[in-house]
Amino acid sequence: MFVKVCGITNEDDALLAVAMGADAVGFIFAPSPRQIAPQKAYDITRRLPPEILTVGVFRDEHPKLLLDIVNRAGVKAAQLHGNETAATVAEVARALRWVIKAYP
């Protein structure tokens, strides 16, 4: 089983998720009550063990901005939750090893 805890907004929660066995932690960059700034996410991701998959959650973000946020936040994967086209998903996938696309 693969476990991802999403909506992380602080280091304590991220470290607790890892200590409890999470394989991945998610950071929401789309508008949301749990939205986090890229710099704050970076401050958390840099403290996590390297084997933890860090995921940025996006919705209908332009690929160039999405990849900029990924780099600034230090996340390894993108999870797309909007109406992204196949071309957009492919563009992001060319730049990242892991891309998760949610479909309604």
N, C-alpha and C. Protein backbone atom coordinates (compact mmCIF):
# COMPACT_ATOMS: atom_id res chain seq x y z
N MET A 1 0.84 -1.18 0.00
CA MET A 1 0.00 0.00 0.00
C MET A 1 0.89 1.24 0.00
N PHE A 2 0.44 2.26 -0.70
CA PHE A 2 1.14 3.54 -0.79
C PHE A 2 0.25 4.58 -0.11
N VAL A 3 0.81 5.32 0.85
CA VAL A 3 0.03 6.29 1.61
C VAL A 3 0.58 7.69 1.39
N LYS A 4 -0.33 8.61 0.99
CA LYS A 4 0.04 10.03 0.84
C LYS A 4 -0.87 10.84 1.76
N VAL A 5 -0.26 11.67 2.58
CA VAL A 5 -1.00 12.59 3.42
C VAL A 5 -0.93 13.96 2.75
N CYS A 6 -2.09 14.52 2.45
CA CYS A 6 -2.14 15.75 1.68
C CYS A 6 -2.61 16.92 2.54
N GLY A 7 -2.35 18.11 2.05
CA GLY A 7 -2.79 19.31 2.75
C GLY A 7 -1.84 19.73 3.86
N ILE A 8 -0.59 19.32 3.75
CA ILE A 8 0.41 19.67 4.76
C ILE A 8 0.64 21.18 4.74
N THR A 9 0.63 21.79 5.91
CA THR A 9 0.86 23.24 6.00
C THR A 9 1.96 23.61 7.00
N ASN A 10 2.49 22.60 7.71
CA ASN A 10 3.55 22.91 8.67
C ASN A 10 4.47 21.71 8.84
N GLU A 11 5.65 22.00 9.32
CA GLU A 11 6.69 20.97 9.46
C GLU A 11 6.30 19.87 10.43
N ASP A 12 5.68 20.23 11.54
CA ASP A 12 5.29 19.22 12.53
C ASP A 12 4.36 18.17 11.92
N ASP A 13 3.38 18.62 11.14
CA ASP A 13 2.46 17.67 10.51
C ASP A 13 3.18 16.80 9.48
N ALA A 14 4.09 17.39 8.73
CA ALA A 14 4.84 16.61 7.74
C ALA A 14 5.68 15.54 8.42
N LEU A 15 6.38 15.93 9.47
CA LEU A 15 7.22 14.96 10.18
C LEU A 15 6.39 13.89 10.87
N LEU A 16 5.23 14.26 11.38
CA LEU A 16 4.34 13.28 11.99
C LEU A 16 3.84 12.29 10.94
N ALA A 17 3.45 12.79 9.78
CA ALA A 17 2.99 11.91 8.70
C ALA A 17 4.08 10.90 8.34
N VAL A 18 5.31 11.38 8.23
CA VAL A 18 6.43 10.50 7.91
C VAL A 18 6.65 9.49 9.03
N ALA A 19 6.62 9.95 10.27
CA ALA A 19 6.82 9.05 11.41
C ALA A 19 5.74 7.98 11.49
N MET A 20 4.55 8.31 11.02
CA MET A 20 3.43 7.36 11.05
C MET A 20 3.42 6.44 9.83
N GLY A 21 4.40 6.62 8.94
CA GLY A 21 4.54 5.69 7.83
C GLY A 21 4.11 6.18 6.47
N ALA A 22 3.80 7.45 6.33
CA ALA A 22 3.40 7.97 5.02
C ALA A 22 4.56 7.82 4.03
N ASP A 23 4.22 7.46 2.81
CA ASP A 23 5.20 7.36 1.73
C ASP A 23 5.37 8.70 1.02
N ALA A 24 4.34 9.53 1.12
CA ALA A 24 4.34 10.81 0.42
C ALA A 24 3.57 11.84 1.24
N VAL A 25 3.94 13.09 1.03
CA VAL A 25 3.19 14.20 1.62
C VAL A 25 2.87 15.19 0.52
N GLY A 26 1.68 15.78 0.61
CA GLY A 26 1.22 16.69 -0.42
C GLY A 26 1.05 18.11 0.08
N PHE A 27 1.36 19.04 -0.81
CA PHE A 27 1.26 20.47 -0.52
C PHE A 27 0.33 21.09 -1.55
N ILE A 28 -0.67 21.79 -1.10
CA ILE A 28 -1.68 22.34 -2.01
C ILE A 28 -1.26 23.75 -2.43
N PHE A 29 -1.07 23.91 -3.74
CA PHE A 29 -0.72 25.22 -4.30
C PHE A 29 -1.91 25.85 -5.02
N ALA A 30 -2.96 25.09 -5.22
CA ALA A 30 -4.19 25.63 -5.80
C ALA A 30 -4.95 26.39 -4.72
N PRO A 31 -5.82 27.32 -5.12
CA PRO A 31 -6.61 28.03 -4.12
C PRO A 31 -7.38 27.04 -3.23
N SER A 32 -7.19 27.18 -1.93
CA SER A 32 -7.77 26.25 -0.96
C SER A 32 -7.51 26.80 0.44
N PRO A 33 -8.34 26.43 1.40
CA PRO A 33 -8.02 26.81 2.79
C PRO A 33 -6.67 26.25 3.25
N ARG A 34 -6.19 25.19 2.61
CA ARG A 34 -4.92 24.57 2.99
C ARG A 34 -3.79 24.94 2.03
N GLN A 35 -4.02 25.97 1.23
CA GLN A 35 -2.99 26.42 0.28
C GLN A 35 -1.75 26.87 1.05
N ILE A 36 -0.59 26.56 0.47
CA ILE A 36 0.68 26.90 1.10
C ILE A 36 1.54 27.66 0.09
N ALA A 37 2.34 28.57 0.57
CA ALA A 37 3.26 29.31 -0.29
C ALA A 37 4.45 28.42 -0.64
N PRO A 38 4.99 28.56 -1.85
CA PRO A 38 6.13 27.72 -2.25
C PRO A 38 7.31 27.79 -1.27
N GLN A 39 7.63 28.96 -0.76
CA GLN A 39 8.77 29.08 0.16
C GLN A 39 8.51 28.31 1.45
N LYS A 40 7.29 28.39 1.95
CA LYS A 40 6.97 27.66 3.18
C LYS A 40 7.04 26.15 2.93
N ALA A 41 6.56 25.72 1.77
CA ALA A 41 6.66 24.30 1.42
C ALA A 41 8.13 23.88 1.34
N TYR A 42 8.96 24.73 0.74
CA TYR A 42 10.39 24.42 0.64
C TYR A 42 11.01 24.26 2.03
N ASP A 43 10.64 25.14 2.94
CA ASP A 43 11.18 25.06 4.30
C ASP A 43 10.84 23.71 4.94
N ILE A 44 9.72 23.12 4.53
CA ILE A 44 9.32 21.81 5.04
C ILE A 44 9.99 20.69 4.25
N THR A 45 9.93 20.76 2.92
CA THR A 45 10.45 19.65 2.10
C THR A 45 11.94 19.42 2.33
N ARG A 46 12.68 20.46 2.58
CA ARG A 46 14.13 20.29 2.76
C ARG A 46 14.47 19.55 4.04
N ARG A 47 13.50 19.43 4.95
CA ARG A 47 13.74 18.74 6.22
C ARG A 47 13.25 17.29 6.22
N LEU A 48 12.66 16.87 5.12
CA LEU A 48 12.11 15.51 5.05
C LEU A 48 13.15 14.53 4.53
N PRO A 49 13.03 13.27 4.91
CA PRO A 49 13.95 12.26 4.38
C PRO A 49 13.83 12.18 2.85
N PRO A 50 14.93 11.92 2.17
CA PRO A 50 14.92 11.94 0.70
C PRO A 50 14.01 10.88 0.07
N GLU A 51 13.72 9.82 0.80
CA GLU A 51 12.86 8.77 0.23
C GLU A 51 11.38 9.12 0.25
N ILE A 52 11.02 10.20 0.91
CA ILE A 52 9.61 10.63 0.95
C ILE A 52 9.28 11.37 -0.34
N LEU A 53 8.21 10.94 -0.99
CA LEU A 53 7.76 11.62 -2.21
C LEU A 53 6.98 12.87 -1.80
N THR A 54 7.44 14.00 -2.27
CA THR A 54 6.75 15.26 -1.99
C THR A 54 5.98 15.66 -3.23
N VAL A 55 4.71 16.02 -3.04
CA VAL A 55 3.79 16.24 -4.15
C VAL A 55 3.16 17.62 -4.05
N GLY A 56 3.19 18.35 -5.14
CA GLY A 56 2.49 19.62 -5.23
C GLY A 56 1.15 19.40 -5.91
N VAL A 57 0.10 19.93 -5.32
CA VAL A 57 -1.25 19.77 -5.87
C VAL A 57 -1.65 21.08 -6.56
N PHE A 58 -2.06 20.95 -7.82
CA PHE A 58 -2.37 22.10 -8.66
C PHE A 58 -3.73 21.93 -9.32
N ARG A 59 -4.32 23.06 -9.72
CA ARG A 59 -5.57 23.02 -10.47
C ARG A 59 -5.52 24.08 -11.57
N ASP A 60 -5.50 23.61 -12.81
CA ASP A 60 -5.54 24.48 -13.99
C ASP A 60 -4.43 25.53 -14.00
N GLU A 61 -3.26 25.15 -13.56
CA GLU A 61 -2.12 26.07 -13.54
C GLU A 61 -1.37 25.98 -14.87
N HIS A 62 -0.88 27.11 -15.35
CA HIS A 62 -0.07 27.11 -16.57
C HIS A 62 1.18 26.28 -16.31
N PRO A 63 1.57 25.41 -17.25
CA PRO A 63 2.71 24.51 -17.00
C PRO A 63 3.99 25.21 -16.58
N LYS A 64 4.30 26.34 -17.18
CA LYS A 64 5.55 27.04 -16.82
C LYS A 64 5.50 27.53 -15.37
N LEU A 65 4.37 28.08 -14.96
CA LEU A 65 4.23 28.52 -13.57
C LEU A 65 4.23 27.33 -12.63
N LEU A 66 3.54 26.27 -13.01
CA LEU A 66 3.51 25.05 -12.20
C LEU A 66 4.93 24.55 -11.96
N LEU A 67 5.73 24.45 -13.01
CA LEU A 67 7.09 23.95 -12.85
C LEU A 67 7.96 24.90 -12.05
N ASP A 68 7.70 26.19 -12.16
CA ASP A 68 8.42 27.16 -11.33
C ASP A 68 8.09 26.93 -9.85
N ILE A 69 6.83 26.73 -9.55
CA ILE A 69 6.42 26.47 -8.16
C ILE A 69 7.03 25.16 -7.66
N VAL A 70 7.00 24.12 -8.49
CA VAL A 70 7.61 22.84 -8.13
C VAL A 70 9.07 23.05 -7.73
N ASN A 71 9.79 23.79 -8.54
CA ASN A 71 11.21 24.02 -8.26
C ASN A 71 11.41 24.85 -7.00
N ARG A 72 10.63 25.91 -6.84
CA ARG A 72 10.78 26.76 -5.66
C ARG A 72 10.38 26.04 -4.38
N ALA A 73 9.41 25.15 -4.48
CA ALA A 73 8.92 24.44 -3.29
C ALA A 73 9.73 23.20 -2.97
N GLY A 74 10.51 22.72 -3.93
CA GLY A 74 11.30 21.53 -3.69
C GLY A 74 10.50 20.24 -3.70
N VAL A 75 9.35 20.25 -4.37
CA VAL A 75 8.57 19.01 -4.45
C VAL A 75 9.04 18.20 -5.66
N LYS A 76 8.79 16.89 -5.60
CA LYS A 76 9.27 15.98 -6.62
C LYS A 76 8.20 15.59 -7.64
N ALA A 77 6.94 15.84 -7.32
CA ALA A 77 5.85 15.38 -8.17
C ALA A 77 4.76 16.45 -8.24
N ALA A 78 3.94 16.34 -9.28
CA ALA A 78 2.79 17.23 -9.42
C ALA A 78 1.53 16.39 -9.52
N GLN A 79 0.51 16.82 -8.81
CA GLN A 79 -0.81 16.19 -8.87
C GLN A 79 -1.75 17.23 -9.45
N LEU A 80 -2.37 16.90 -10.58
CA LEU A 80 -3.19 17.86 -11.32
C LEU A 80 -4.66 17.56 -11.11
N HIS A 81 -5.39 18.54 -10.60
CA HIS A 81 -6.80 18.33 -10.23
C HIS A 81 -7.75 19.25 -10.97
N GLY A 82 -7.37 19.72 -12.12
CA GLY A 82 -8.25 20.62 -12.85
C GLY A 82 -8.68 20.03 -14.17
N ASN A 83 -8.87 20.90 -15.12
CA ASN A 83 -9.28 20.50 -16.46
C ASN A 83 -8.08 20.52 -17.41
N GLU A 84 -6.95 20.08 -16.93
CA GLU A 84 -5.74 20.07 -17.75
C GLU A 84 -5.93 19.17 -18.97
N THR A 85 -5.44 19.66 -20.09
CA THR A 85 -5.52 18.88 -21.33
C THR A 85 -4.43 17.81 -21.32
N ALA A 86 -4.57 16.86 -22.22
CA ALA A 86 -3.54 15.83 -22.36
C ALA A 86 -2.20 16.47 -22.71
N ALA A 87 -2.23 17.52 -23.52
CA ALA A 87 -0.99 18.21 -23.90
C ALA A 87 -0.34 18.86 -22.68
N THR A 88 -1.13 19.44 -21.80
CA THR A 88 -0.59 20.05 -20.59
C THR A 88 0.02 18.99 -19.68
N VAL A 89 -0.69 17.89 -19.51
CA VAL A 89 -0.18 16.80 -18.67
C VAL A 89 1.14 16.28 -19.25
N ALA A 90 1.19 16.12 -20.56
CA ALA A 90 2.41 15.64 -21.21
C ALA A 90 3.56 16.62 -21.03
N GLU A 91 3.28 17.91 -21.12
CA GLU A 91 4.33 18.92 -20.93
C GLU A 91 4.90 18.84 -19.52
N VAL A 92 4.04 18.71 -18.55
CA VAL A 92 4.50 18.60 -17.16
C VAL A 92 5.28 17.29 -16.97
N ALA A 93 4.77 16.22 -17.57
CA ALA A 93 5.42 14.91 -17.42
C ALA A 93 6.81 14.87 -18.06
N ARG A 94 7.04 15.69 -19.05
CA ARG A 94 8.39 15.74 -19.64
C ARG A 94 9.41 16.34 -18.66
N ALA A 95 8.93 17.13 -17.73
CA ALA A 95 9.83 17.81 -16.80
C ALA A 95 9.94 17.13 -15.44
N LEU A 96 8.96 16.31 -15.09
CA LEU A 96 8.93 15.68 -13.77
C LEU A 96 8.87 14.17 -13.90
N ARG A 97 9.45 13.51 -12.94
CA ARG A 97 9.41 12.04 -12.95
C ARG A 97 8.02 11.51 -12.60
N TRP A 98 7.32 12.20 -11.69
CA TRP A 98 6.01 11.73 -11.25
C TRP A 98 4.96 12.80 -11.50
N VAL A 99 3.91 12.41 -12.21
CA VAL A 99 2.75 13.27 -12.42
C VAL A 99 1.51 12.43 -12.17
N ILE A 100 0.63 12.96 -11.35
CA ILE A 100 -0.64 12.30 -11.04
C ILE A 100 -1.74 13.17 -11.62
N LYS A 101 -2.60 12.60 -12.43
CA LYS A 101 -3.71 13.36 -13.00
C LYS A 101 -5.01 12.81 -12.46
N ALA A 102 -5.77 13.65 -11.78
CA ALA A 102 -7.09 13.26 -11.27
C ALA A 102 -8.14 13.61 -12.32
N TYR A 103 -9.06 12.70 -12.51
CA TYR A 103 -10.16 12.92 -13.45
C TYR A 103 -11.47 12.91 -12.68
N PRO A 104 -12.39 13.81 -13.07
CA PRO A 104 -13.68 13.85 -12.36
C PRO A 104 -14.50 12.60 -12.61
